[in-house]
Amino acid sequence: MNKAELIGSIAGKSGLSKADAGRALDAFVDSVTEGLSSGERIALVGFGSWSVEQRDARTGRNPRTGEEIQIAAKKVVKFKAGASLSDAVN
């Protein structure tokens, strides 16, 4: 499902217009992005939670040449599915 299909699904299930559903989805994405950028954990009970974790610097290997390379430390977004989402998928 792509963004346009998701907007259509939200509009159909909520009774909103596609334009309103698109604005609501954009607002949701912006809010989650802002929260994660400031280091907050975002949790939707039953659906899942997003958090930011620090990944340490490490030594990697170029698969083409076998040469060792240094991979810089960075922050990564983690998502953990909630019980209801896991049950629905399984």
PDB file of N, CA and C in Angstrom:
ATOM      1  N   MET A   1       0.855  -1.175   0.000  1.00  0.00           N
ATOM      2  CA  MET A   1       0.000   0.000   0.000  1.00  0.00           C
ATOM      3  C   MET A   1       0.901   1.238   0.000  1.00  0.00           C
ATOM      4  N   ASN A   2       0.651   2.130  -0.938  1.00  0.00           N
ATOM      5  CA  ASN A   2       1.420   3.374  -0.977  1.00  0.00           C
ATOM      6  C   ASN A   2       0.633   4.491  -0.277  1.00  0.00           C
ATOM      7  N   LYS A   3       1.189   5.692  -0.263  1.00  0.00           N
ATOM      8  CA  LYS A   3       0.575   6.794   0.472  1.00  0.00           C
ATOM      9  C   LYS A   3      -0.816   7.129  -0.062  1.00  0.00           C
ATOM     10  N   ALA A   4      -0.983   7.172  -1.372  1.00  0.00           N
ATOM     11  CA  ALA A   4      -2.282   7.505  -1.957  1.00  0.00           C
ATOM     12  C   ALA A   4      -3.330   6.446  -1.587  1.00  0.00           C
ATOM     13  N   GLU A   5      -2.946   5.186  -1.612  1.00  0.00           N
ATOM     14  CA  GLU A   5      -3.869   4.121  -1.242  1.00  0.00           C
ATOM     15  C   GLU A   5      -4.217   4.193   0.253  1.00  0.00           C
ATOM     16  N   LEU A   6      -3.246   4.538   1.079  1.00  0.00           N
ATOM     17  CA  LEU A   6      -3.487   4.696   2.511  1.00  0.00           C
ATOM     18  C   LEU A   6      -4.452   5.854   2.770  1.00  0.00           C
ATOM     19  N   ILE A   7      -4.245   6.955   2.081  1.00  0.00           N
ATOM     20  CA  ILE A   7      -5.157   8.101   2.221  1.00  0.00           C
ATOM     21  C   ILE A   7      -6.571   7.697   1.809  1.00  0.00           C
ATOM     22  N   GLY A   8      -6.702   6.961   0.709  1.00  0.00           N
ATOM     23  CA  GLY A   8      -8.014   6.492   0.265  1.00  0.00           C
ATOM     24  C   GLY A   8      -8.676   5.585   1.291  1.00  0.00           C
ATOM     25  N   SER A   9      -7.886   4.716   1.904  1.00  0.00           N
ATOM     26  CA  SER A   9      -8.406   3.808   2.924  1.00  0.00           C
ATOM     27  C   SER A   9      -8.859   4.580   4.166  1.00  0.00           C
ATOM     28  N   ILE A  10      -8.056   5.542   4.596  1.00  0.00           N
ATOM     29  CA  ILE A  10      -8.415   6.362   5.752  1.00  0.00           C
ATOM     30  C   ILE A  10      -9.699   7.137   5.461  1.00  0.00           C
ATOM     31  N   ALA A  11      -9.782   7.712   4.264  1.00  0.00           N
ATOM     32  CA  ALA A  11     -10.974   8.477   3.886  1.00  0.00           C
ATOM     33  C   ALA A  11     -12.211   7.588   3.878  1.00  0.00           C
ATOM     34  N   GLY A  12     -12.089   6.396   3.336  1.00  0.00           N
ATOM     35  CA  GLY A  12     -13.226   5.484   3.261  1.00  0.00           C
ATOM     36  C   GLY A  12     -13.708   5.009   4.621  1.00  0.00           C
ATOM     37  N   LYS A  13     -12.775   4.750   5.526  1.00  0.00           N
ATOM     38  CA  LYS A  13     -13.147   4.213   6.842  1.00  0.00           C
ATOM     39  C   LYS A  13     -13.572   5.291   7.835  1.00  0.00           C
ATOM     40  N   SER A  14     -13.131   6.542   7.599  1.00  0.00           N
ATOM     41  CA  SER A  14     -13.435   7.594   8.576  1.00  0.00           C
ATOM     42  C   SER A  14     -14.542   8.538   8.119  1.00  0.00           C
ATOM     43  N   GLY A  15     -14.881   8.496   6.849  1.00  0.00           N
ATOM     44  CA  GLY A  15     -15.882   9.421   6.339  1.00  0.00           C
ATOM     45  C   GLY A  15     -15.317  10.791   5.997  1.00  0.00           C
ATOM     46  N   LEU A  16     -14.006  10.941   6.090  1.00  0.00           N
ATOM     47  CA  LEU A  16     -13.355  12.196   5.712  1.00  0.00           C
ATOM     48  C   LEU A  16     -13.186  12.254   4.202  1.00  0.00           C
ATOM     49  N   SER A  17     -12.991  13.450   3.684  1.00  0.00           N
ATOM     50  CA  SER A  17     -12.647  13.567   2.273  1.00  0.00           C
ATOM     51  C   SER A  17     -11.193  13.121   2.112  1.00  0.00           C
ATOM     52  N   LYS A  18     -10.802  12.819   0.882  1.00  0.00           N
ATOM     53  CA  LYS A  18      -9.413  12.418   0.648  1.00  0.00           C
ATOM     54  C   LYS A  18      -8.453  13.552   1.002  1.00  0.00           C
ATOM     55  N   ALA A  19      -8.853  14.791   0.756  1.00  0.00           N
ATOM     56  CA  ALA A  19      -7.998  15.930   1.090  1.00  0.00           C
ATOM     57  C   ALA A  19      -7.799  16.023   2.604  1.00  0.00           C
ATOM     58  N   ASP A  20      -8.887  15.864   3.366  1.00  0.00           N
ATOM     59  CA  ASP A  20      -8.787  15.910   4.826  1.00  0.00           C
ATOM     60  C   ASP A  20      -7.976  14.737   5.362  1.00  0.00           C
ATOM     61  N   ALA A  21      -8.184  13.557   4.792  1.00  0.00           N
ATOM     62  CA  ALA A  21      -7.428  12.380   5.217  1.00  0.00           C
ATOM     63  C   ALA A  21      -5.941  12.566   4.912  1.00  0.00           C
ATOM     64  N   GLY A  22      -5.626  13.174   3.774  1.00  0.00           N
ATOM     65  CA  GLY A  22      -4.233  13.457   3.424  1.00  0.00           C
ATOM     66  C   GLY A  22      -3.592  14.423   4.400  1.00  0.00           C
ATOM     67  N   ARG A  23      -4.335  15.456   4.772  1.00  0.00           N
ATOM     68  CA  ARG A  23      -3.817  16.421   5.754  1.00  0.00           C
ATOM     69  C   ARG A  23      -3.625  15.753   7.118  1.00  0.00           C
ATOM     70  N   ALA A  24      -4.558  14.887   7.499  1.00  0.00           N
ATOM     71  CA  ALA A  24      -4.443  14.188   8.784  1.00  0.00           C
ATOM     72  C   ALA A  24      -3.227  13.264   8.785  1.00  0.00           C
ATOM     73  N   LEU A  25      -3.007  12.547   7.695  1.00  0.00           N
ATOM     74  CA  LEU A  25      -1.844  11.659   7.600  1.00  0.00           C
ATOM     75  C   LEU A  25      -0.554  12.462   7.636  1.00  0.00           C
ATOM     76  N   ASP A  26      -0.506  13.570   6.906  1.00  0.00           N
ATOM     77  CA  ASP A  26       0.690  14.425   6.922  1.00  0.00           C
ATOM     78  C   ASP A  26       0.953  14.977   8.316  1.00  0.00           C
ATOM     79  N   ALA A  27      -0.108  15.365   9.031  1.00  0.00           N
ATOM     80  CA  ALA A  27       0.045  15.884  10.394  1.00  0.00           C
ATOM     81  C   ALA A  27       0.571  14.789  11.320  1.00  0.00           C
ATOM     82  N   PHE A  28       0.080  13.562  11.146  1.00  0.00           N
ATOM     83  CA  PHE A  28       0.552  12.439  11.956  1.00  0.00           C
ATOM     84  C   PHE A  28       2.037  12.193  11.710  1.00  0.00           C
ATOM     85  N   VAL A  29       2.428  12.136  10.449  1.00  0.00           N
ATOM     86  CA  VAL A  29       3.837  11.893  10.106  1.00  0.00           C
ATOM     87  C   VAL A  29       4.722  13.013  10.642  1.00  0.00           C
ATOM     88  N   ASP A  30       4.293  14.267  10.494  1.00  0.00           N
ATOM     89  CA  ASP A  30       5.066  15.399  11.014  1.00  0.00           C
ATOM     90  C   ASP A  30       5.200  15.329  12.535  1.00  0.00           C
ATOM     91  N   SER A  31       4.130  14.978  13.228  1.00  0.00           N
ATOM     92  CA  SER A  31       4.163  14.896  14.686  1.00  0.00           C
ATOM     93  C   SER A  31       5.092  13.788  15.166  1.00  0.00           C
ATOM     94  N   VAL A  32       5.040  12.628  14.521  1.00  0.00           N
ATOM     95  CA  VAL A  32       5.933  11.526  14.889  1.00  0.00           C
ATOM     96  C   VAL A  32       7.381  11.915  14.607  1.00  0.00           C
ATOM     97  N   THR A  33       7.624  12.541  13.467  1.00  0.00           N
ATOM     98  CA  THR A  33       8.979  12.969  13.111  1.00  0.00           C
ATOM     99  C   THR A  33       9.522  13.962  14.124  1.00  0.00           C
ATOM    100  N   GLU A  34       8.725  14.947  14.499  1.00  0.00           N
ATOM    101  CA  GLU A  34       9.158  15.946  15.484  1.00  0.00           C
ATOM    102  C   GLU A  34       9.435  15.300  16.835  1.00  0.00           C
ATOM    103  N   GLY A  35       8.566  14.397  17.258  1.00  0.00           N
ATOM    104  CA  GLY A  35       8.756  13.718  18.532  1.00  0.00           C
ATOM    105  C   GLY A  35      10.026  12.896  18.557  1.00  0.00           C
ATOM    106  N   LEU A  36      10.259  12.128  17.503  1.00  0.00           N
ATOM    107  CA  LEU A  36      11.463  11.297  17.442  1.00  0.00           C
ATOM    108  C   LEU A  36      12.717  12.151  17.336  1.00  0.00           C
ATOM    109  N   SER A  37      12.633  13.258  16.600  1.00  0.00           N
ATOM    110  CA  SER A  37      13.786  14.154  16.457  1.00  0.00           C
ATOM    111  C   SER A  37      14.200  14.750  17.795  1.00  0.00           C
ATOM    112  N   SER A  38      13.227  14.953  18.682  1.00  0.00           N
ATOM    113  CA  SER A  38      13.546  15.516  19.989  1.00  0.00           C
ATOM    114  C   SER A  38      13.864  14.436  21.022  1.00  0.00           C
ATOM    115  N   GLY A  39      13.931  13.179  20.589  1.00  0.00           N
ATOM    116  CA  GLY A  39      14.327  12.093  21.478  1.00  0.00           C
ATOM    117  C   GLY A  39      13.195  11.426  22.227  1.00  0.00           C
ATOM    118  N   GLU A  40      11.955  11.782  21.921  1.00  0.00           N
ATOM    119  CA  GLU A  40      10.809  11.177  22.600  1.00  0.00           C
ATOM    120  C   GLU A  40      10.523   9.782  22.062  1.00  0.00           C
ATOM    121  N   ARG A  41       9.824   8.993  22.864  1.00  0.00           N
ATOM    122  CA  ARG A  41       9.329   7.690  22.440  1.00  0.00           C
ATOM    123  C   ARG A  41       7.858   7.883  22.093  1.00  0.00           C
ATOM    124  N   ILE A  42       7.422   7.359  20.972  1.00  0.00           N
ATOM    125  CA  ILE A  42       6.032   7.474  20.529  1.00  0.00           C
ATOM    126  C   ILE A  42       5.392   6.097  20.680  1.00  0.00           C
ATOM    127  N   ALA A  43       4.282   6.010  21.407  1.00  0.00           N
ATOM    128  CA  ALA A  43       3.618   4.731  21.629  1.00  0.00           C
ATOM    129  C   ALA A  43       2.134   4.837  21.308  1.00  0.00           C
ATOM    130  N   LEU A  44       1.651   3.928  20.499  1.00  0.00           N
ATOM    131  CA  LEU A  44       0.232   3.770  20.209  1.00  0.00           C
ATOM    132  C   LEU A  44      -0.151   2.387  20.728  1.00  0.00           C
ATOM    133  N   VAL A  45      -0.840   2.343  21.845  1.00  0.00           N
ATOM    134  CA  VAL A  45      -1.154   1.086  22.507  1.00  0.00           C
ATOM    135  C   VAL A  45      -1.873   0.149  21.542  1.00  0.00           C
ATOM    136  N   GLY A  46      -1.383  -1.068  21.447  1.00  0.00           N
ATOM    137  CA  GLY A  46      -1.952  -2.069  20.560  1.00  0.00           C
ATOM    138  C   GLY A  46      -1.340  -2.060  19.175  1.00  0.00           C
ATOM    139  N   PHE A  47      -0.889  -0.899  18.710  1.00  0.00           N
ATOM    140  CA  PHE A  47      -0.298  -0.813  17.374  1.00  0.00           C
ATOM    141  C   PHE A  47       1.207  -0.996  17.435  1.00  0.00           C
ATOM    142  N   GLY A  48       1.886  -0.187  18.242  1.00  0.00           N
ATOM    143  CA  GLY A  48       3.328  -0.311  18.362  1.00  0.00           C
ATOM    144  C   GLY A  48       3.959   0.955  18.883  1.00  0.00           C
ATOM    145  N   SER A  49       5.271   0.946  18.955  1.00  0.00           N
ATOM    146  CA  SER A  49       5.982   2.121  19.455  1.00  0.00           C
ATOM    147  C   SER A  49       7.247   2.352  18.653  1.00  0.00           C
ATOM    148  N   TRP A  50       7.571   3.635  18.518  1.00  0.00           N
ATOM    149  CA  TRP A  50       8.785   4.063  17.854  1.00  0.00           C
ATOM    150  C   TRP A  50       9.712   4.655  18.902  1.00  0.00           C
ATOM    151  N   SER A  51      11.010   4.416  18.738  1.00  0.00           N
ATOM    152  CA  SER A  51      12.001   5.018  19.626  1.00  0.00           C
ATOM    153  C   SER A  51      13.273   5.260  18.829  1.00  0.00           C
ATOM    154  N   VAL A  52      14.135   6.094  19.389  1.00  0.00           N
ATOM    155  CA  VAL A  52      15.417   6.397  18.750  1.00  0.00           C
ATOM    156  C   VAL A  52      16.513   5.793  19.610  1.00  0.00           C
ATOM    157  N   GLU A  53      17.419   5.068  18.987  1.00  0.00           N
ATOM    158  CA  GLU A  53      18.542   4.466  19.696  1.00  0.00           C
ATOM    159  C   GLU A  53      19.841   4.897  19.030  1.00  0.00           C
ATOM    160  N   GLN A  54      20.887   4.936  19.823  1.00  0.00           N
ATOM    161  CA  GLN A  54      22.213   5.298  19.325  1.00  0.00           C
ATOM    162  C   GLN A  54      22.927   4.031  18.854  1.00  0.00           C
ATOM    163  N   ARG A  55      23.409   4.033  17.640  1.00  0.00           N
ATOM    164  CA  ARG A  55      24.206   2.921  17.121  1.00  0.00           C
ATOM    165  C   ARG A  55      25.666   3.355  17.185  1.00  0.00           C
ATOM    166  N   ASP A  56      26.501   2.584  17.868  1.00  0.00           N
ATOM    167  CA  ASP A  56      27.910   2.929  18.030  1.00  0.00           C
ATOM    168  C   ASP A  56      28.667   2.818  16.713  1.00  0.00           C
ATOM    169  N   ALA A  57      29.799   3.533  16.645  1.00  0.00           N
ATOM    170  CA  ALA A  57      30.678   3.422  15.483  1.00  0.00           C
ATOM    171  C   ALA A  57      31.239   2.001  15.451  1.00  0.00           C
ATOM    172  N   ARG A  58      31.497   1.516  14.266  1.00  0.00           N
ATOM    173  CA  ARG A  58      32.023   0.156  14.142  1.00  0.00           C
ATOM    174  C   ARG A  58      32.839   0.008  12.872  1.00  0.00           C
ATOM    175  N   THR A  59      33.560  -1.074  12.802  1.00  0.00           N
ATOM    176  CA  THR A  59      34.342  -1.378  11.605  1.00  0.00           C
ATOM    177  C   THR A  59      33.535  -2.322  10.742  1.00  0.00           C
ATOM    178  N   GLY A  60      33.394  -1.975   9.473  1.00  0.00           N
ATOM    179  CA  GLY A  60      32.678  -2.819   8.530  1.00  0.00           C
ATOM    180  C   GLY A  60      33.610  -3.288   7.440  1.00  0.00           C
ATOM    181  N   ARG A  61      33.057  -3.952   6.463  1.00  0.00           N
ATOM    182  CA  ARG A  61      33.869  -4.460   5.366  1.00  0.00           C
ATOM    183  C   ARG A  61      33.152  -4.177   4.053  1.00  0.00           C
ATOM    184  N   ASN A  62      33.884  -3.619   3.092  1.00  0.00           N
ATOM    185  CA  ASN A  62      33.342  -3.393   1.761  1.00  0.00           C
ATOM    186  C   ASN A  62      33.176  -4.760   1.098  1.00  0.00           C
ATOM    187  N   PRO A  63      31.955  -5.152   0.756  1.00  0.00           N
ATOM    188  CA  PRO A  63      31.747  -6.491   0.201  1.00  0.00           C
ATOM    189  C   PRO A  63      32.398  -6.689  -1.169  1.00  0.00           C
ATOM    190  N   ARG A  64      32.602  -5.616  -1.895  1.00  0.00           N
ATOM    191  CA  ARG A  64      33.185  -5.737  -3.225  1.00  0.00           C
ATOM    192  C   ARG A  64      34.700  -5.958  -3.165  1.00  0.00           C
ATOM    193  N   THR A  65      35.373  -5.191  -2.289  1.00  0.00           N
ATOM    194  CA  THR A  65      36.840  -5.258  -2.246  1.00  0.00           C
ATOM    195  C   THR A  65      37.371  -5.992  -1.026  1.00  0.00           C
ATOM    196  N   GLY A  66      36.550  -6.168  -0.003  1.00  0.00           N
ATOM    197  CA  GLY A  66      37.013  -6.796   1.222  1.00  0.00           C
ATOM    198  C   GLY A  66      37.749  -5.827   2.136  1.00  0.00           C
ATOM    199  N   GLU A  67      37.879  -4.585   1.722  1.00  0.00           N
ATOM    200  CA  GLU A  67      38.595  -3.578   2.498  1.00  0.00           C
ATOM    201  C   GLU A  67      37.780  -3.190   3.735  1.00  0.00           C
ATOM    202  N   GLU A  68      38.491  -3.023   4.867  1.00  0.00           N
ATOM    203  CA  GLU A  68      37.817  -2.581   6.086  1.00  0.00           C
ATOM    204  C   GLU A  68      37.504  -1.099   5.993  1.00  0.00           C
ATOM    205  N   ILE A  69      36.322  -0.718   6.473  1.00  0.00           N
ATOM    206  CA  ILE A  69      35.923   0.678   6.481  1.00  0.00           C
ATOM    207  C   ILE A  69      35.361   1.017   7.857  1.00  0.00           C
ATOM    208  N   GLN A  70      35.424   2.285   8.217  1.00  0.00           N
ATOM    209  CA  GLN A  70      34.855   2.745   9.477  1.00  0.00           C
ATOM    210  C   GLN A  70      33.437   3.248   9.216  1.00  0.00           C
ATOM    211  N   ILE A  71      32.499   2.766   9.998  1.00  0.00           N
ATOM    212  CA  ILE A  71      31.112   3.187   9.899  1.00  0.00           C
ATOM    213  C   ILE A  71      30.851   4.095  11.099  1.00  0.00           C
ATOM    214  N   ALA A  72      30.425   5.313  10.830  1.00  0.00           N
ATOM    215  CA  ALA A  72      30.235   6.313  11.884  1.00  0.00           C
ATOM    216  C   ALA A  72      29.052   5.957  12.783  1.00  0.00           C
ATOM    217  N   ALA A  73      29.101   6.459  14.004  1.00  0.00           N
ATOM    218  CA  ALA A  73      27.982   6.309  14.929  1.00  0.00           C
ATOM    219  C   ALA A  73      26.807   7.129  14.409  1.00  0.00           C
ATOM    220  N   LYS A  74      25.591   6.659  14.682  1.00  0.00           N
ATOM    221  CA  LYS A  74      24.415   7.416  14.265  1.00  0.00           C
ATOM    222  C   LYS A  74      23.219   6.976  15.075  1.00  0.00           C
ATOM    223  N   LYS A  75      22.182   7.780  14.996  1.00  0.00           N
ATOM    224  CA  LYS A  75      20.920   7.449  15.638  1.00  0.00           C
ATOM    225  C   LYS A  75      20.046   6.727  14.630  1.00  0.00           C
ATOM    226  N   VAL A  76      19.313   5.707  15.098  1.00  0.00           N
ATOM    227  CA  VAL A  76      18.415   4.953  14.234  1.00  0.00           C
ATOM    228  C   VAL A  76      17.037   4.866  14.875  1.00  0.00           C
ATOM    229  N   VAL A  77      16.009   4.801  14.045  1.00  0.00           N
ATOM    230  CA  VAL A  77      14.639   4.680  14.521  1.00  0.00           C
ATOM    231  C   VAL A  77      14.300   3.195  14.616  1.00  0.00           C
ATOM    232  N   LYS A  78      13.750   2.810  15.753  1.00  0.00           N
ATOM    233  CA  LYS A  78      13.323   1.427  15.964  1.00  0.00           C
ATOM    234  C   LYS A  78      11.801   1.405  16.096  1.00  0.00           C
ATOM    235  N   PHE A  79      11.170   0.368  15.554  1.00  0.00           N
ATOM    236  CA  PHE A  79       9.734   0.183  15.702  1.00  0.00           C
ATOM    237  C   PHE A  79       9.498  -1.186  16.305  1.00  0.00           C
ATOM    238  N   LYS A  80       8.678  -1.235  17.344  1.00  0.00           N
ATOM    239  CA  LYS A  80       8.299  -2.498  17.956  1.00  0.00           C
ATOM    240  C   LYS A  80       6.800  -2.632  17.848  1.00  0.00           C
ATOM    241  N   ALA A  81       6.348  -3.681  17.174  1.00  0.00           N
ATOM    242  CA  ALA A  81       4.915  -3.896  16.970  1.00  0.00           C
ATOM    243  C   ALA A  81       4.227  -4.228  18.283  1.00  0.00           C
ATOM    244  N   GLY A  82       3.021  -3.716  18.442  1.00  0.00           N
ATOM    245  CA  GLY A  82       2.210  -4.002  19.619  1.00  0.00           C
ATOM    246  C   GLY A  82       1.503  -5.339  19.483  1.00  0.00           C
ATOM    247  N   ALA A  83       0.885  -5.778  20.553  1.00  0.00           N
ATOM    248  CA  ALA A  83       0.226  -7.085  20.590  1.00  0.00           C
ATOM    249  C   ALA A  83      -0.897  -7.206  19.573  1.00  0.00           C
ATOM    250  N   SER A  84      -1.740  -6.190  19.460  1.00  0.00           N
ATOM    251  CA  SER A  84      -2.872  -6.263  18.521  1.00  0.00           C
ATOM    252  C   SER A  84      -2.380  -6.343  17.079  1.00  0.00           C
ATOM    253  N   LEU A  85      -1.361  -5.574  16.734  1.00  0.00           N
ATOM    254  CA  LEU A  85      -0.811  -5.620  15.379  1.00  0.00           C
ATOM    255  C   LEU A  85      -0.176  -6.973  15.103  1.00  0.00           C
ATOM    256  N   SER A  86       0.586  -7.489  16.056  1.00  0.00           N
ATOM    257  CA  SER A  86       1.208  -8.802  15.886  1.00  0.00           C
ATOM    258  C   SER A  86       0.174  -9.897  15.706  1.00  0.00           C
ATOM    259  N   ASP A  87      -0.888  -9.829  16.524  1.00  0.00           N
ATOM    260  CA  ASP A  87      -1.958 -10.833  16.417  1.00  0.00           C
ATOM    261  C   ASP A  87      -2.671 -10.743  15.070  1.00  0.00           C
ATOM    262  N   ALA A  88      -2.906  -9.532  14.571  1.00  0.00           N
ATOM    263  CA  ALA A  88      -3.593  -9.355  13.300  1.00  0.00           C
ATOM    264  C   ALA A  88      -2.766  -9.891  12.128  1.00  0.00           C
ATOM    265  N   VAL A  89      -1.446  -9.742  12.229  1.00  0.00           N
ATOM    266  CA  VAL A  89      -0.571 -10.206  11.154  1.00  0.00           C
ATOM    267  C   VAL A  89      -0.444 -11.730  11.178  1.00  0.00           C
ATOM    268  N   ASN A  90      -0.425 -12.289  12.374  1.00  0.00           N
ATOM    269  CA  ASN A  90      -0.287 -13.747  12.506  1.00  0.00           C
ATOM    270  C   ASN A  90      -1.654 -14.363  12.538  1.00  0.00           C
TER     271      ASN A  90
END
